[in-house]
PDB file of N, CA and C in Angstrom:
ATOM      1  N   UNK A   1      48.840  52.108  -9.249  1.00  0.00           N
ATOM      2  CA  UNK A   1      49.959  52.311  -8.705  1.00  0.00           C
ATOM      3  C   UNK A   1      49.977  53.404  -8.415  1.00  0.00           C
ATOM      4  N   UNK A   2      50.701  53.620  -6.921  1.00  0.00           N
ATOM      5  CA  UNK A   2      50.984  54.889  -6.428  1.00  0.00           C
ATOM      6  C   UNK A   2      52.230  55.398  -6.372  1.00  0.00           C
ATOM      7  N   UNK A   3      52.767  56.512  -6.874  1.00  0.00           N
ATOM      8  CA  UNK A   3      53.867  56.921  -7.085  1.00  0.00           C
ATOM      9  C   UNK A   3      54.918  57.056  -6.199  1.00  0.00           C
ATOM     10  N   UNK A   4      54.271  56.872  -4.678  1.00  0.00           N
ATOM     11  CA  UNK A   4      55.232  56.573  -3.246  1.00  0.00           C
ATOM     12  C   UNK A   4      55.619  55.296  -3.218  1.00  0.00           C
ATOM     13  N   UNK A   5      55.126  53.974  -4.066  1.00  0.00           N
ATOM     14  CA  UNK A   5      55.488  52.959  -3.589  1.00  0.00           C
ATOM     15  C   UNK A   5      56.700  52.908  -4.282  1.00  0.00           C
ATOM     16  N   UNK A   6      57.500  51.927  -3.407  1.00  0.00           N
ATOM     17  CA  UNK A   6      59.386  51.942  -3.418  1.00  0.00           C
ATOM     18  C   UNK A   6      59.263  50.806  -4.365  1.00  0.00           C
ATOM     19  N   UNK A   7      58.278  49.397  -4.593  1.00  0.00           N
ATOM     20  CA  UNK A   7      58.758  48.426  -5.522  1.00  0.00           C
ATOM     21  C   UNK A   7      58.557  48.809  -7.253  1.00  0.00           C
ATOM     22  N   UNK A   8      57.845  50.304  -7.142  1.00  0.00           N
ATOM     23  CA  UNK A   8      57.684  50.571  -8.481  1.00  0.00           C
ATOM     24  C   UNK A   8      58.521  51.651  -8.304  1.00  0.00           C
ATOM     25  N   UNK A   9      59.202  52.082  -7.729  1.00  0.00           N
ATOM     26  CA  UNK A   9      60.256  53.703  -7.609  1.00  0.00           C
ATOM     27  C   UNK A   9      60.938  53.949  -9.472  1.00  0.00           C
ATOM     28  N   UNK A  10      61.614  52.799  -9.524  1.00  0.00           N
ATOM     29  CA  UNK A  10      62.086  52.780 -10.547  1.00  0.00           C
ATOM     30  C   UNK A  10      61.098  52.597 -12.132  1.00  0.00           C
ATOM     31  N   UNK A  11      60.079  52.559 -12.194  1.00  0.00           N
ATOM     32  CA  UNK A  11      59.091  51.809 -13.096  1.00  0.00           C
ATOM     33  C   UNK A  11      59.245  52.906 -14.027  1.00  0.00           C
ATOM     34  N   UNK A  12      59.125  52.403 -15.046  1.00  0.00           N
ATOM     35  CA  UNK A  12      58.597  53.501 -16.690  1.00  0.00           C
ATOM     36  C   UNK A  12      58.128  52.642 -17.405  1.00  0.00           C
ATOM     37  N   UNK A  13      57.120  52.860 -17.816  1.00  0.00           N
ATOM     38  CA  UNK A  13      56.195  52.356 -18.782  1.00  0.00           C
ATOM     39  C   UNK A  13      56.922  52.564 -20.204  1.00  0.00           C
ATOM     40  N   UNK A  14      56.897  51.160 -20.948  1.00  0.00           N
ATOM     41  CA  UNK A  14      57.121  50.569 -21.998  1.00  0.00           C
ATOM     42  C   UNK A  14      56.503  51.422 -23.330  1.00  0.00           C
ATOM     43  N   UNK A  15      55.342  51.669 -23.310  1.00  0.00           N
ATOM     44  CA  UNK A  15      54.919  52.153 -23.524  1.00  0.00           C
ATOM     45  C   UNK A  15      54.625  53.797 -24.020  1.00  0.00           C
ATOM     46  N   UNK A  16      54.643  54.427 -25.566  1.00  0.00           N
ATOM     47  CA  UNK A  16      54.865  56.172 -24.799  1.00  0.00           C
ATOM     48  C   UNK A  16      56.656  56.458 -24.810  1.00  0.00           C
ATOM     49  N   UNK A  17      57.111  55.899 -24.547  1.00  0.00           N
ATOM     50  CA  UNK A  17      58.677  55.768 -24.642  1.00  0.00           C
ATOM     51  C   UNK A  17      59.291  55.786 -25.791  1.00  0.00           C
ATOM     52  N   UNK A  18      58.783  56.104 -27.090  1.00  0.00           N
ATOM     53  CA  UNK A  18      59.027  56.375 -28.165  1.00  0.00           C
ATOM     54  C   UNK A  18      57.864  57.251 -29.145  1.00  0.00           C
ATOM     55  N   UNK A  19      57.284  57.206 -28.664  1.00  0.00           N
ATOM     56  CA  UNK A  19      56.335  58.531 -28.788  1.00  0.00           C
ATOM     57  C   UNK A  19      57.092  59.856 -29.725  1.00  0.00           C
ATOM     58  N   UNK A  20      56.989  60.212 -30.583  1.00  0.00           N
ATOM     59  CA  UNK A  20      57.622  60.989 -31.214  1.00  0.00           C
ATOM     60  C   UNK A  20      59.075  60.781 -32.167  1.00  0.00           C
ATOM     61  N   UNK A  21      59.567  59.050 -31.748  1.00  0.00           N
ATOM     62  CA  UNK A  21      61.189  58.936 -32.194  1.00  0.00           C
ATOM     63  C   UNK A  21      61.260  59.043 -34.159  1.00  0.00           C
ATOM     64  N   UNK A  22      59.996  59.292 -34.273  1.00  0.00           N
ATOM     65  CA  UNK A  22      59.937  58.633 -36.252  1.00  0.00           C
ATOM     66  C   UNK A  22      59.904  60.318 -36.372  1.00  0.00           C
ATOM     67  N   UNK A  23      58.936  61.616 -35.860  1.00  0.00           N
ATOM     68  CA  UNK A  23      59.129  62.631 -36.108  1.00  0.00           C
ATOM     69  C   UNK A  23      60.600  63.265 -36.035  1.00  0.00           C
ATOM     70  N   UNK A  24      61.253  62.973 -34.796  1.00  0.00           N
ATOM     71  CA  UNK A  24      62.596  63.106 -34.551  1.00  0.00           C
ATOM     72  C   UNK A  24      63.403  62.753 -35.190  1.00  0.00           C
ATOM     73  N   UNK A  25      63.542  61.996 -36.053  1.00  0.00           N
ATOM     74  CA  UNK A  25      64.521  61.054 -36.902  1.00  0.00           C
ATOM     75  C   UNK A  25      64.126  61.701 -37.940  1.00  0.00           C
ATOM     76  N   UNK A  26      62.693  61.967 -38.617  1.00  0.00           N
ATOM     77  CA  UNK A  26      62.817  62.676 -39.887  1.00  0.00           C
ATOM     78  C   UNK A  26      63.332  64.207 -40.012  1.00  0.00           C
ATOM     79  N   UNK A  27      62.949  64.618 -38.636  1.00  0.00           N
ATOM     80  CA  UNK A  27      63.778  66.469 -38.321  1.00  0.00           C
ATOM     81  C   UNK A  27      64.919  66.127 -38.287  1.00  0.00           C
ATOM     82  N   UNK A  28      65.534  64.960 -37.830  1.00  0.00           N
ATOM     83  CA  UNK A  28      67.392  64.927 -37.906  1.00  0.00           C
ATOM     84  C   UNK A  28      67.950  64.669 -38.968  1.00  0.00           C
ATOM     85  N   UNK A  29      66.991  63.756 -39.888  1.00  0.00           N
ATOM     86  CA  UNK A  29      67.443  63.567 -41.328  1.00  0.00           C
ATOM     87  C   UNK A  29      67.333  64.782 -42.073  1.00  0.00           C
ATOM     88  N   UNK A  30      65.977  65.757 -42.172  1.00  0.00           N
ATOM     89  CA  UNK A  30      66.018  66.891 -43.173  1.00  0.00           C
ATOM     90  C   UNK A  30      66.735  68.352 -42.518  1.00  0.00           C
ATOM     91  N   UNK A  31      67.305  68.088 -41.960  1.00  0.00           N
ATOM     92  CA  UNK A  31      68.454  69.115 -40.675  1.00  0.00           C
ATOM     93  C   UNK A  31      69.667  68.617 -41.513  1.00  0.00           C
ATOM     94  N   UNK A  32      69.846  67.482 -42.074  1.00  0.00           N
ATOM     95  CA  UNK A  32      71.483  66.976 -42.797  1.00  0.00           C
ATOM     96  C   UNK A  32      70.921  67.017 -44.110  1.00  0.00           C
ATOM     97  N   UNK A  33      70.023  66.205 -44.610  1.00  0.00           N
ATOM     98  CA  UNK A  33      69.482  66.605 -46.156  1.00  0.00           C
ATOM     99  C   UNK A  33      69.185  68.020 -46.735  1.00  0.00           C
ATOM    100  N   UNK A  34      68.692  68.490 -46.346  1.00  0.00           N
ATOM    101  CA  UNK A  34      68.184  69.844 -46.594  1.00  0.00           C
ATOM    102  C   UNK A  34      69.636  70.674 -47.016  1.00  0.00           C
ATOM    103  N   UNK A  35      70.238  71.108 -46.005  1.00  0.00           N
ATOM    104  CA  UNK A  35      71.060  72.278 -46.499  1.00  0.00           C
ATOM    105  C   UNK A  35      71.777  71.389 -47.751  1.00  0.00           C
ATOM    106  N   UNK A  36      72.265  70.143 -47.166  1.00  0.00           N
ATOM    107  CA  UNK A  36      73.319  69.081 -48.602  1.00  0.00           C
ATOM    108  C   UNK A  36      72.861  69.471 -50.144  1.00  0.00           C
ATOM    109  N   UNK A  37      71.387  69.136 -49.984  1.00  0.00           N
ATOM    110  CA  UNK A  37      70.928  69.296 -51.214  1.00  0.00           C
ATOM    111  C   UNK A  37      70.110  70.633 -51.951  1.00  0.00           C
ATOM    112  N   UNK A  38      70.939  71.478 -50.940  1.00  0.00           N
ATOM    113  CA  UNK A  38      70.701  73.109 -51.277  1.00  0.00           C
ATOM    114  C   UNK A  38      72.193  73.497 -52.056  1.00  0.00           C
ATOM    115  N   UNK A  39      73.197  73.054 -51.281  1.00  0.00           N
ATOM    116  CA  UNK A  39      74.993  72.603 -51.455  1.00  0.00           C
ATOM    117  C   UNK A  39      74.363  72.601 -52.943  1.00  0.00           C
ATOM    118  N   UNK A  40      74.527  71.127 -52.777  1.00  0.00           N
ATOM    119  CA  UNK A  40      74.246  70.246 -54.268  1.00  0.00           C
ATOM    120  C   UNK A  40      73.591  70.777 -55.401  1.00  0.00           C
ATOM    121  N   UNK A  41      72.105  71.715 -55.685  1.00  0.00           N
ATOM    122  CA  UNK A  41      71.488  72.678 -56.416  1.00  0.00           C
ATOM    123  C   UNK A  41      72.040  73.940 -56.307  1.00  0.00           C
ATOM    124  N   UNK A  42      73.016  74.391 -55.551  1.00  0.00           N
ATOM    125  CA  UNK A  42      73.626  75.920 -55.972  1.00  0.00           C
ATOM    126  C   UNK A  42      74.929  75.407 -56.727  1.00  0.00           C
ATOM    127  N   UNK A  43      75.738  74.716 -56.629  1.00  0.00           N
ATOM    128  CA  UNK A  43      76.869  74.463 -57.337  1.00  0.00           C
ATOM    129  C   UNK A  43      76.847  73.558 -58.878  1.00  0.00           C
ATOM    130  N   UNK A  44      75.220  72.915 -58.602  1.00  0.00           N
ATOM    131  CA  UNK A  44      75.246  72.442 -60.414  1.00  0.00           C
ATOM    132  C   UNK A  44      74.450  73.890 -60.564  1.00  0.00           C
ATOM    133  N   UNK A  45      73.655  74.661 -60.120  1.00  0.00           N
ATOM    134  CA  UNK A  45      73.497  76.370 -61.298  1.00  0.00           C
ATOM    135  C   UNK A  45      74.433  77.186 -61.451  1.00  0.00           C
ATOM    136  N   UNK A  46      75.328  77.201 -60.298  1.00  0.00           N
ATOM    137  CA  UNK A  46      76.874  77.990 -60.554  1.00  0.00           C
ATOM    138  C   UNK A  46      77.746  77.471 -61.646  1.00  0.00           C
ATOM    139  N   UNK A  47      77.802  76.257 -61.499  1.00  0.00           N
ATOM    140  CA  UNK A  47      78.509  75.059 -62.442  1.00  0.00           C
ATOM    141  C   UNK A  47      78.115  75.124 -64.055  1.00  0.00           C
ATOM    142  N   UNK A  48      76.455  75.502 -64.447  1.00  0.00           N
ATOM    143  CA  UNK A  48      75.727  75.928 -65.924  1.00  0.00           C
ATOM    144  C   UNK A  48      75.822  77.373 -66.210  1.00  0.00           C
ATOM    145  N   UNK A  49      75.398  78.275 -64.954  1.00  0.00           N
ATOM    146  CA  UNK A  49      76.272  79.445 -65.622  1.00  0.00           C
ATOM    147  C   UNK A  49      77.170  79.585 -65.612  1.00  0.00           C
ATOM    148  N   UNK A  50      78.453  79.042 -65.484  1.00  0.00           N
ATOM    149  CA  UNK A  50      79.749  79.460 -65.376  1.00  0.00           C
ATOM    150  C   UNK A  50      80.234  78.604 -66.969  1.00  0.00           C
ATOM    151  N   UNK A  51      79.728  77.499 -67.251  1.00  0.00           N
ATOM    152  CA  UNK A  51      79.166  77.139 -68.453  1.00  0.00           C
ATOM    153  C   UNK A  51      79.132  77.584 -69.611  1.00  0.00           C
ATOM    154  N   UNK A  52      78.106  78.548 -69.025  1.00  0.00           N
ATOM    155  CA  UNK A  52      77.795  79.445 -70.449  1.00  0.00           C
ATOM    156  C   UNK A  52      78.057  80.452 -70.738  1.00  0.00           C
ATOM    157  N   UNK A  53      78.807  81.051 -69.344  1.00  0.00           N
ATOM    158  CA  UNK A  53      79.111  82.521 -69.891  1.00  0.00           C
ATOM    159  C   UNK A  53      80.828  82.275 -70.068  1.00  0.00           C
ATOM    160  N   UNK A  54      81.415  81.159 -69.660  1.00  0.00           N
ATOM    161  CA  UNK A  54      82.614  81.625 -69.234  1.00  0.00           C
ATOM    162  C   UNK A  54      83.626  80.541 -70.368  1.00  0.00           C
TER     163      UNK A  54
END
């Protein structure tokens, strides 16, 4: 297929369109879940410490 062919000017192959989509989704979820997990863990630790010492 020639790139200057007018019949295929707007043709994009379906193969490879989702390359990296799973990795991007995992990264997106990790960006949300990791801070939320750290926040929950920190609050748990602080609540234990405050229960022992106060």
